[in-house]
Amino acid sequence: MINVQDKINLLRFRLDRQSHITIDQEKCAACASKPCLFACPAGMFTLAESEVLYSHEGCLECGTCYVICPGKSITWHYPKGGCGVSFREA
């Protein structure tokens, strides 16, 4: 049986220069809990000097950050065609 890490190892990323996720820092600053820091399965969110930063390299495109953000400070859309995450065959 294949485990989660084995599945993640099958991912392939083709990066777009422009991120498919943006954060409204003004709205984000009002959020005390910042669940995006803990909910992102790829760990793409970090906190630096009270500002949430995001790196789109390695994003699984699951939309968890968008759904869990209580202040709706995250804007999420799919990467442009040909970019983003895809699965390789085992």
PDB file of N, CA and C in Angstrom:
ATOM      1  N   MET A   1       0.838  -1.178   0.000  1.00  0.00           N
ATOM      2  CA  MET A   1       0.000   0.000   0.000  1.00  0.00           C
ATOM      3  C   MET A   1       0.890   1.250   0.000  1.00  0.00           C
ATOM      4  N   ILE A   2       0.522   2.236  -0.799  1.00  0.00           N
ATOM      5  CA  ILE A   2       1.301   3.468  -0.907  1.00  0.00           C
ATOM      6  C   ILE A   2       0.889   4.438   0.209  1.00  0.00           C
ATOM      7  N   ASN A   3       1.884   5.054   0.857  1.00  0.00           N
ATOM      8  CA  ASN A   3       1.568   6.010   1.922  1.00  0.00           C
ATOM      9  C   ASN A   3       1.579   7.439   1.372  1.00  0.00           C
ATOM     10  N   VAL A   4       1.219   8.394   2.219  1.00  0.00           N
ATOM     11  CA  VAL A   4       1.096   9.786   1.794  1.00  0.00           C
ATOM     12  C   VAL A   4       2.415  10.322   1.254  1.00  0.00           C
ATOM     13  N   GLN A   5       3.514  10.059   1.929  1.00  0.00           N
ATOM     14  CA  GLN A   5       4.809  10.568   1.473  1.00  0.00           C
ATOM     15  C   GLN A   5       5.171  10.005   0.105  1.00  0.00           C
ATOM     16  N   ASP A   6       4.861   8.740  -0.140  1.00  0.00           N
ATOM     17  CA  ASP A   6       5.118   8.150  -1.456  1.00  0.00           C
ATOM     18  C   ASP A   6       4.302   8.860  -2.533  1.00  0.00           C
ATOM     19  N   LYS A   7       3.057   9.212  -2.214  1.00  0.00           N
ATOM     20  CA  LYS A   7       2.222   9.940  -3.175  1.00  0.00           C
ATOM     21  C   LYS A   7       2.788  11.324  -3.443  1.00  0.00           C
ATOM     22  N   ILE A   8       3.226  12.006  -2.398  1.00  0.00           N
ATOM     23  CA  ILE A   8       3.808  13.338  -2.568  1.00  0.00           C
ATOM     24  C   ILE A   8       5.065  13.265  -3.430  1.00  0.00           C
ATOM     25  N   ASN A   9       5.820  12.195  -3.297  1.00  0.00           N
ATOM     26  CA  ASN A   9       7.026  12.028  -4.114  1.00  0.00           C
ATOM     27  C   ASN A   9       6.708  11.849  -5.592  1.00  0.00           C
ATOM     28  N   LEU A  10       5.455  11.545  -5.924  1.00  0.00           N
ATOM     29  CA  LEU A  10       5.047  11.391  -7.318  1.00  0.00           C
ATOM     30  C   LEU A  10       4.623  12.716  -7.953  1.00  0.00           C
ATOM     31  N   LEU A  11       4.629  13.787  -7.181  1.00  0.00           N
ATOM     32  CA  LEU A  11       4.213  15.084  -7.703  1.00  0.00           C
ATOM     33  C   LEU A  11       5.293  15.694  -8.586  1.00  0.00           C
ATOM     34  N   ARG A  12       4.825  16.431  -9.578  1.00  0.00           N
ATOM     35  CA  ARG A  12       5.731  17.187 -10.450  1.00  0.00           C
ATOM     36  C   ARG A  12       5.192  18.614 -10.494  1.00  0.00           C
ATOM     37  N   PHE A  13       6.076  19.584 -10.417  1.00  0.00           N
ATOM     38  CA  PHE A  13       5.671  20.981 -10.401  1.00  0.00           C
ATOM     39  C   PHE A  13       6.258  21.702 -11.604  1.00  0.00           C
ATOM     40  N   ARG A  14       5.419  22.451 -12.282  1.00  0.00           N
ATOM     41  CA  ARG A  14       5.882  23.364 -13.329  1.00  0.00           C
ATOM     42  C   ARG A  14       5.478  24.758 -12.856  1.00  0.00           C
ATOM     43  N   LEU A  15       6.463  25.533 -12.464  1.00  0.00           N
ATOM     44  CA  LEU A  15       6.192  26.817 -11.824  1.00  0.00           C
ATOM     45  C   LEU A  15       5.866  27.918 -12.813  1.00  0.00           C
ATOM     46  N   ASP A  16       4.932  28.741 -12.400  1.00  0.00           N
ATOM     47  CA  ASP A  16       4.618  29.986 -13.082  1.00  0.00           C
ATOM     48  C   ASP A  16       5.367  31.075 -12.316  1.00  0.00           C
ATOM     49  N   ARG A  17       5.821  32.090 -12.983  1.00  0.00           N
ATOM     50  CA  ARG A  17       6.519  33.174 -12.288  1.00  0.00           C
ATOM     51  C   ARG A  17       5.581  33.908 -11.334  1.00  0.00           C
ATOM     52  N   GLN A  18       4.311  33.975 -11.706  1.00  0.00           N
ATOM     53  CA  GLN A  18       3.330  34.671 -10.884  1.00  0.00           C
ATOM     54  C   GLN A  18       2.578  33.675 -10.008  1.00  0.00           C
ATOM     55  N   SER A  19       2.470  33.977  -8.739  1.00  0.00           N
ATOM     56  CA  SER A  19       1.779  33.103  -7.797  1.00  0.00           C
ATOM     57  C   SER A  19       0.283  33.078  -8.072  1.00  0.00           C
ATOM     58  N   HIS A  20      -0.321  31.940  -7.849  1.00  0.00           N
ATOM     59  CA  HIS A  20      -1.773  31.799  -8.011  1.00  0.00           C
ATOM     60  C   HIS A  20      -2.512  32.105  -6.710  1.00  0.00           C
ATOM     61  N   ILE A  21      -1.783  32.488  -5.695  1.00  0.00           N
ATOM     62  CA  ILE A  21      -2.359  32.849  -4.406  1.00  0.00           C
ATOM     63  C   ILE A  21      -1.820  34.215  -3.995  1.00  0.00           C
ATOM     64  N   THR A  22      -2.726  35.071  -3.530  1.00  0.00           N
ATOM     65  CA  THR A  22      -2.310  36.360  -2.984  1.00  0.00           C
ATOM     66  C   THR A  22      -2.933  36.521  -1.599  1.00  0.00           C
ATOM     67  N   ILE A  23      -2.263  37.294  -0.769  1.00  0.00           N
ATOM     68  CA  ILE A  23      -2.727  37.541   0.591  1.00  0.00           C
ATOM     69  C   ILE A  23      -2.934  39.040   0.770  1.00  0.00           C
ATOM     70  N   ASP A  24      -4.121  39.416   1.215  1.00  0.00           N
ATOM     71  CA  ASP A  24      -4.400  40.801   1.581  1.00  0.00           C
ATOM     72  C   ASP A  24      -3.862  40.980   3.001  1.00  0.00           C
ATOM     73  N   GLN A  25      -2.684  41.577   3.113  1.00  0.00           N
ATOM     74  CA  GLN A  25      -2.001  41.675   4.405  1.00  0.00           C
ATOM     75  C   GLN A  25      -2.776  42.516   5.416  1.00  0.00           C
ATOM     76  N   GLU A  26      -3.537  43.481   4.941  1.00  0.00           N
ATOM     77  CA  GLU A  26      -4.330  44.307   5.857  1.00  0.00           C
ATOM     78  C   GLU A  26      -5.411  43.467   6.545  1.00  0.00           C
ATOM     79  N   LYS A  27      -6.122  42.662   5.769  1.00  0.00           N
ATOM     80  CA  LYS A  27      -7.133  41.762   6.345  1.00  0.00           C
ATOM     81  C   LYS A  27      -6.462  40.693   7.204  1.00  0.00           C
ATOM     82  N   CYS A  28      -5.352  40.179   6.734  1.00  0.00           N
ATOM     83  CA  CYS A  28      -4.642  39.108   7.431  1.00  0.00           C
ATOM     84  C   CYS A  28      -4.143  39.565   8.802  1.00  0.00           C
ATOM     85  N   ALA A  29      -3.728  40.808   8.911  1.00  0.00           N
ATOM     86  CA  ALA A  29      -3.213  41.332  10.175  1.00  0.00           C
ATOM     87  C   ALA A  29      -4.274  41.307  11.274  1.00  0.00           C
ATOM     88  N   ALA A  30      -5.542  41.385  10.887  1.00  0.00           N
ATOM     89  CA  ALA A  30      -6.636  41.375  11.863  1.00  0.00           C
ATOM     90  C   ALA A  30      -6.954  39.973  12.378  1.00  0.00           C
ATOM     91  N   CYS A  31      -6.389  38.958  11.761  1.00  0.00           N
ATOM     92  CA  CYS A  31      -6.656  37.568  12.134  1.00  0.00           C
ATOM     93  C   CYS A  31      -5.700  37.146  13.250  1.00  0.00           C
ATOM     94  N   ALA A  32      -6.258  36.757  14.377  1.00  0.00           N
ATOM     95  CA  ALA A  32      -5.428  36.346  15.511  1.00  0.00           C
ATOM     96  C   ALA A  32      -4.960  34.900  15.391  1.00  0.00           C
ATOM     97  N   SER A  33      -5.793  34.031  14.822  1.00  0.00           N
ATOM     98  CA  SER A  33      -5.478  32.593  14.822  1.00  0.00           C
ATOM     99  C   SER A  33      -4.582  32.146  13.669  1.00  0.00           C
ATOM    100  N   LYS A  34      -4.660  32.805  12.530  1.00  0.00           N
ATOM    101  CA  LYS A  34      -3.854  32.489  11.344  1.00  0.00           C
ATOM    102  C   LYS A  34      -3.800  30.975  11.055  1.00  0.00           C
ATOM    103  N   PRO A  35      -4.957  30.351  10.819  1.00  0.00           N
ATOM    104  CA  PRO A  35      -4.996  28.903  10.607  1.00  0.00           C
ATOM    105  C   PRO A  35      -4.239  28.436   9.366  1.00  0.00           C
ATOM    106  N   CYS A  36      -3.999  29.318   8.419  1.00  0.00           N
ATOM    107  CA  CYS A  36      -3.257  28.927   7.212  1.00  0.00           C
ATOM    108  C   CYS A  36      -1.855  28.428   7.553  1.00  0.00           C
ATOM    109  N   LEU A  37      -1.290  28.943   8.648  1.00  0.00           N
ATOM    110  CA  LEU A  37       0.053  28.531   9.051  1.00  0.00           C
ATOM    111  C   LEU A  37       0.116  27.055   9.424  1.00  0.00           C
ATOM    112  N   PHE A  38      -1.004  26.505   9.848  1.00  0.00           N
ATOM    113  CA  PHE A  38      -1.039  25.126  10.332  1.00  0.00           C
ATOM    114  C   PHE A  38      -1.804  24.180   9.415  1.00  0.00           C
ATOM    115  N   ALA A  39      -2.737  24.714   8.627  1.00  0.00           N
ATOM    116  CA  ALA A  39      -3.617  23.861   7.828  1.00  0.00           C
ATOM    117  C   ALA A  39      -3.031  23.464   6.478  1.00  0.00           C
ATOM    118  N   CYS A  40      -2.142  24.253   5.929  1.00  0.00           N
ATOM    119  CA  CYS A  40      -1.582  23.953   4.603  1.00  0.00           C
ATOM    120  C   CYS A  40      -0.799  22.640   4.656  1.00  0.00           C
ATOM    121  N   PRO A  41      -1.234  21.620   3.901  1.00  0.00           N
ATOM    122  CA  PRO A  41      -0.538  20.338   3.958  1.00  0.00           C
ATOM    123  C   PRO A  41       0.882  20.389   3.394  1.00  0.00           C
ATOM    124  N   ALA A  42       1.163  21.380   2.564  1.00  0.00           N
ATOM    125  CA  ALA A  42       2.503  21.509   1.993  1.00  0.00           C
ATOM    126  C   ALA A  42       3.392  22.442   2.811  1.00  0.00           C
ATOM    127  N   GLY A  43       2.832  23.095   3.820  1.00  0.00           N
ATOM    128  CA  GLY A  43       3.621  23.986   4.670  1.00  0.00           C
ATOM    129  C   GLY A  43       4.137  25.212   3.945  1.00  0.00           C
ATOM    130  N   MET A  44       3.325  25.790   3.074  1.00  0.00           N
ATOM    131  CA  MET A  44       3.762  26.911   2.247  1.00  0.00           C
ATOM    132  C   MET A  44       3.645  28.275   2.924  1.00  0.00           C
ATOM    133  N   PHE A  45       3.003  28.335   4.090  1.00  0.00           N
ATOM    134  CA  PHE A  45       2.807  29.601   4.792  1.00  0.00           C
ATOM    135  C   PHE A  45       3.760  29.706   5.978  1.00  0.00           C
ATOM    136  N   THR A  46       4.345  30.890   6.152  1.00  0.00           N
ATOM    137  CA  THR A  46       5.227  31.158   7.288  1.00  0.00           C
ATOM    138  C   THR A  46       4.887  32.529   7.871  1.00  0.00           C
ATOM    139  N   LEU A  47       5.284  32.737   9.103  1.00  0.00           N
ATOM    140  CA  LEU A  47       5.074  34.016   9.768  1.00  0.00           C
ATOM    141  C   LEU A  47       6.427  34.687   9.937  1.00  0.00           C
ATOM    142  N   ALA A  48       6.542  35.912   9.435  1.00  0.00           N
ATOM    143  CA  ALA A  48       7.786  36.677   9.543  1.00  0.00           C
ATOM    144  C   ALA A  48       7.446  38.094   9.986  1.00  0.00           C
ATOM    145  N   GLU A  49       7.879  38.433  11.189  1.00  0.00           N
ATOM    146  CA  GLU A  49       7.627  39.770  11.736  1.00  0.00           C
ATOM    147  C   GLU A  49       6.147  40.132  11.667  1.00  0.00           C
ATOM    148  N   SER A  50       5.298  39.251  12.139  1.00  0.00           N
ATOM    149  CA  SER A  50       3.837  39.394  12.211  1.00  0.00           C
ATOM    150  C   SER A  50       3.152  39.483  10.841  1.00  0.00           C
ATOM    151  N   GLU A  51       3.842  39.131   9.782  1.00  0.00           N
ATOM    152  CA  GLU A  51       3.252  39.106   8.442  1.00  0.00           C
ATOM    153  C   GLU A  51       3.285  37.678   7.904  1.00  0.00           C
ATOM    154  N   VAL A  52       2.154  37.231   7.365  1.00  0.00           N
ATOM    155  CA  VAL A  52       2.090  35.890   6.785  1.00  0.00           C
ATOM    156  C   VAL A  52       2.671  35.943   5.376  1.00  0.00           C
ATOM    157  N   LEU A  53       3.636  35.074   5.119  1.00  0.00           N
ATOM    158  CA  LEU A  53       4.263  34.977   3.803  1.00  0.00           C
ATOM    159  C   LEU A  53       3.878  33.653   3.169  1.00  0.00           C
ATOM    160  N   TYR A  54       3.847  33.639   1.846  1.00  0.00           N
ATOM    161  CA  TYR A  54       3.446  32.448   1.113  1.00  0.00           C
ATOM    162  C   TYR A  54       4.432  32.185  -0.019  1.00  0.00           C
ATOM    163  N   SER A  55       4.799  30.931  -0.187  1.00  0.00           N
ATOM    164  CA  SER A  55       5.643  30.519  -1.306  1.00  0.00           C
ATOM    165  C   SER A  55       4.839  29.544  -2.156  1.00  0.00           C
ATOM    166  N   HIS A  56       4.629  29.859  -3.422  1.00  0.00           N
ATOM    167  CA  HIS A  56       3.795  28.990  -4.262  1.00  0.00           C
ATOM    168  C   HIS A  56       4.552  27.790  -4.820  1.00  0.00           C
ATOM    169  N   GLU A  57       5.869  27.751  -4.649  1.00  0.00           N
ATOM    170  CA  GLU A  57       6.649  26.609  -5.114  1.00  0.00           C
ATOM    171  C   GLU A  57       6.398  25.426  -4.189  1.00  0.00           C
ATOM    172  N   GLY A  58       5.780  24.399  -4.695  1.00  0.00           N
ATOM    173  CA  GLY A  58       5.458  23.227  -3.891  1.00  0.00           C
ATOM    174  C   GLY A  58       4.013  23.175  -3.437  1.00  0.00           C
ATOM    175  N   CYS A  59       3.213  24.162  -3.837  1.00  0.00           N
ATOM    176  CA  CYS A  59       1.792  24.188  -3.480  1.00  0.00           C
ATOM    177  C   CYS A  59       1.083  22.997  -4.116  1.00  0.00           C
ATOM    178  N   LEU A  60       0.238  22.332  -3.331  1.00  0.00           N
ATOM    179  CA  LEU A  60      -0.504  21.165  -3.814  1.00  0.00           C
ATOM    180  C   LEU A  60      -1.813  21.543  -4.499  1.00  0.00           C
ATOM    181  N   GLU A  61      -2.145  22.837  -4.522  1.00  0.00           N
ATOM    182  CA  GLU A  61      -3.359  23.355  -5.162  1.00  0.00           C
ATOM    183  C   GLU A  61      -4.635  22.748  -4.596  1.00  0.00           C
ATOM    184  N   CYS A  62      -4.632  22.486  -3.314  1.00  0.00           N
ATOM    185  CA  CYS A  62      -5.806  21.865  -2.680  1.00  0.00           C
ATOM    186  C   CYS A  62      -6.859  22.885  -2.273  1.00  0.00           C
ATOM    187  N   GLY A  63      -6.466  24.151  -2.104  1.00  0.00           N
ATOM    188  CA  GLY A  63      -7.408  25.192  -1.716  1.00  0.00           C
ATOM    189  C   GLY A  63      -7.692  25.267  -0.227  1.00  0.00           C
ATOM    190  N   THR A  64      -6.984  24.488   0.575  1.00  0.00           N
ATOM    191  CA  THR A  64      -7.214  24.498   2.020  1.00  0.00           C
ATOM    192  C   THR A  64      -7.059  25.901   2.595  1.00  0.00           C
ATOM    193  N   CYS A  65      -6.049  26.621   2.173  1.00  0.00           N
ATOM    194  CA  CYS A  65      -5.795  27.963   2.700  1.00  0.00           C
ATOM    195  C   CYS A  65      -6.978  28.892   2.433  1.00  0.00           C
ATOM    196  N   TYR A  66      -7.524  28.807   1.243  1.00  0.00           N
ATOM    197  CA  TYR A  66      -8.655  29.654   0.856  1.00  0.00           C
ATOM    198  C   TYR A  66      -9.890  29.334   1.693  1.00  0.00           C
ATOM    199  N   VAL A  67     -10.142  28.054   1.883  1.00  0.00           N
ATOM    200  CA  VAL A  67     -11.326  27.614   2.620  1.00  0.00           C
ATOM    201  C   VAL A  67     -11.222  27.936   4.108  1.00  0.00           C
ATOM    202  N   ILE A  68     -10.042  27.777   4.680  1.00  0.00           N
ATOM    203  CA  ILE A  68      -9.889  27.910   6.130  1.00  0.00           C
ATOM    204  C   ILE A  68      -9.690  29.348   6.603  1.00  0.00           C
ATOM    205  N   CYS A  69      -9.379  30.259   5.717  1.00  0.00           N
ATOM    206  CA  CYS A  69      -9.092  31.648   6.103  1.00  0.00           C
ATOM    207  C   CYS A  69     -10.370  32.330   6.613  1.00  0.00           C
ATOM    208  N   PRO A  70     -10.429  32.657   7.913  1.00  0.00           N
ATOM    209  CA  PRO A  70     -11.657  33.233   8.467  1.00  0.00           C
ATOM    210  C   PRO A  70     -11.926  34.666   8.002  1.00  0.00           C
ATOM    211  N   GLY A  71     -10.879  35.391   7.624  1.00  0.00           N
ATOM    212  CA  GLY A  71     -11.041  36.780   7.210  1.00  0.00           C
ATOM    213  C   GLY A  71     -11.135  36.971   5.714  1.00  0.00           C
ATOM    214  N   LYS A  72     -11.128  35.874   4.972  1.00  0.00           N
ATOM    215  CA  LYS A  72     -11.171  35.921   3.499  1.00  0.00           C
ATOM    216  C   LYS A  72     -10.069  36.821   2.938  1.00  0.00           C
ATOM    217  N   SER A  73      -8.890  36.727   3.530  1.00  0.00           N
ATOM    218  CA  SER A  73      -7.761  37.541   3.069  1.00  0.00           C
ATOM    219  C   SER A  73      -6.942  36.846   1.988  1.00  0.00           C
ATOM    220  N   ILE A  74      -7.267  35.583   1.696  1.00  0.00           N
ATOM    221  CA  ILE A  74      -6.533  34.827   0.683  1.00  0.00           C
ATOM    222  C   ILE A  74      -7.353  34.743  -0.600  1.00  0.00           C
ATOM    223  N   THR A  75      -6.724  35.122  -1.697  1.00  0.00           N
ATOM    224  CA  THR A  75      -7.325  34.970  -3.021  1.00  0.00           C
ATOM    225  C   THR A  75      -6.616  33.807  -3.690  1.00  0.00           C
ATOM    226  N   TRP A  76      -7.381  32.862  -4.212  1.00  0.00           N
ATOM    227  CA  TRP A  76      -6.822  31.631  -4.777  1.00  0.00           C
ATOM    228  C   TRP A  76      -7.458  31.366  -6.131  1.00  0.00           C
ATOM    229  N   HIS A  77      -6.634  31.038  -7.105  1.00  0.00           N
ATOM    230  CA  HIS A  77      -7.125  30.579  -8.408  1.00  0.00           C
ATOM    231  C   HIS A  77      -6.139  29.547  -8.937  1.00  0.00           C
ATOM    232  N   TYR A  78      -6.584  28.742  -9.874  1.00  0.00           N
ATOM    233  CA  TYR A  78      -5.685  27.745 -10.444  1.00  0.00           C
ATOM    234  C   TYR A  78      -4.563  28.434 -11.208  1.00  0.00           C
ATOM    235  N   PRO A  79      -3.374  27.845 -11.241  1.00  0.00           N
ATOM    236  CA  PRO A  79      -2.291  28.398 -12.056  1.00  0.00           C
ATOM    237  C   PRO A  79      -2.683  28.373 -13.535  1.00  0.00           C
ATOM    238  N   LYS A  80      -2.004  29.187 -14.328  1.00  0.00           N
ATOM    239  CA  LYS A  80      -2.318  29.213 -15.756  1.00  0.00           C
ATOM    240  C   LYS A  80      -2.045  27.847 -16.372  1.00  0.00           C
ATOM    241  N   GLY A  81      -2.644  27.586 -17.510  1.00  0.00           N
ATOM    242  CA  GLY A  81      -2.517  26.300 -18.193  1.00  0.00           C
ATOM    243  C   GLY A  81      -1.073  25.862 -18.371  1.00  0.00           C
ATOM    244  N   GLY A  82      -0.817  24.596 -18.090  1.00  0.00           N
ATOM    245  CA  GLY A  82       0.521  24.038 -18.231  1.00  0.00           C
ATOM    246  C   GLY A  82       1.399  24.229 -17.005  1.00  0.00           C
ATOM    247  N   CYS A  83       0.917  25.006 -16.034  1.00  0.00           N
ATOM    248  CA  CYS A  83       1.687  25.249 -14.816  1.00  0.00           C
ATOM    249  C   CYS A  83       0.984  24.608 -13.628  1.00  0.00           C
ATOM    250  N   GLY A  84       1.731  24.459 -12.553  1.00  0.00           N
ATOM    251  CA  GLY A  84       1.165  23.917 -11.325  1.00  0.00           C
ATOM    252  C   GLY A  84       1.603  22.492 -11.076  1.00  0.00           C
ATOM    253  N   VAL A  85       0.803  21.796 -10.287  1.00  0.00           N
ATOM    254  CA  VAL A  85       1.134  20.447  -9.846  1.00  0.00           C
ATOM    255  C   VAL A  85       0.486  19.412 -10.766  1.00  0.00           C
ATOM    256  N   SER A  86       1.201  18.324 -10.978  1.00  0.00           N
ATOM    257  CA  SER A  86       0.643  17.175 -11.698  1.00  0.00           C
ATOM    258  C   SER A  86       1.266  15.918 -11.101  1.00  0.00           C
ATOM    259  N   PHE A  87       0.641  14.796 -11.368  1.00  0.00           N
ATOM    260  CA  PHE A  87       1.116  13.529 -10.819  1.00  0.00           C
ATOM    261  C   PHE A  87       1.850  12.734 -11.882  1.00  0.00           C
ATOM    262  N   ARG A  88       2.941  12.132 -11.477  1.00  0.00           N
ATOM    263  CA  ARG A  88       3.670  11.208 -12.347  1.00  0.00           C
ATOM    264  C   ARG A  88       3.173   9.812 -12.040  1.00  0.00           C
ATOM    265  N   GLU A  89       3.322   8.927 -12.962  1.00  0.00           N
ATOM    266  CA  GLU A  89       2.954   7.537 -12.703  1.00  0.00           C
ATOM    267  C   GLU A  89       4.051   6.872 -11.891  1.00  0.00           C
ATOM    268  N   ALA A  90       3.639   5.974 -11.010  1.00  0.00           N
ATOM    269  CA  ALA A  90       4.596   5.281 -10.142  1.00  0.00           C
ATOM    270  C   ALA A  90       5.454   4.323 -10.931  1.00  0.00           C
TER     271      ALA A  90
END
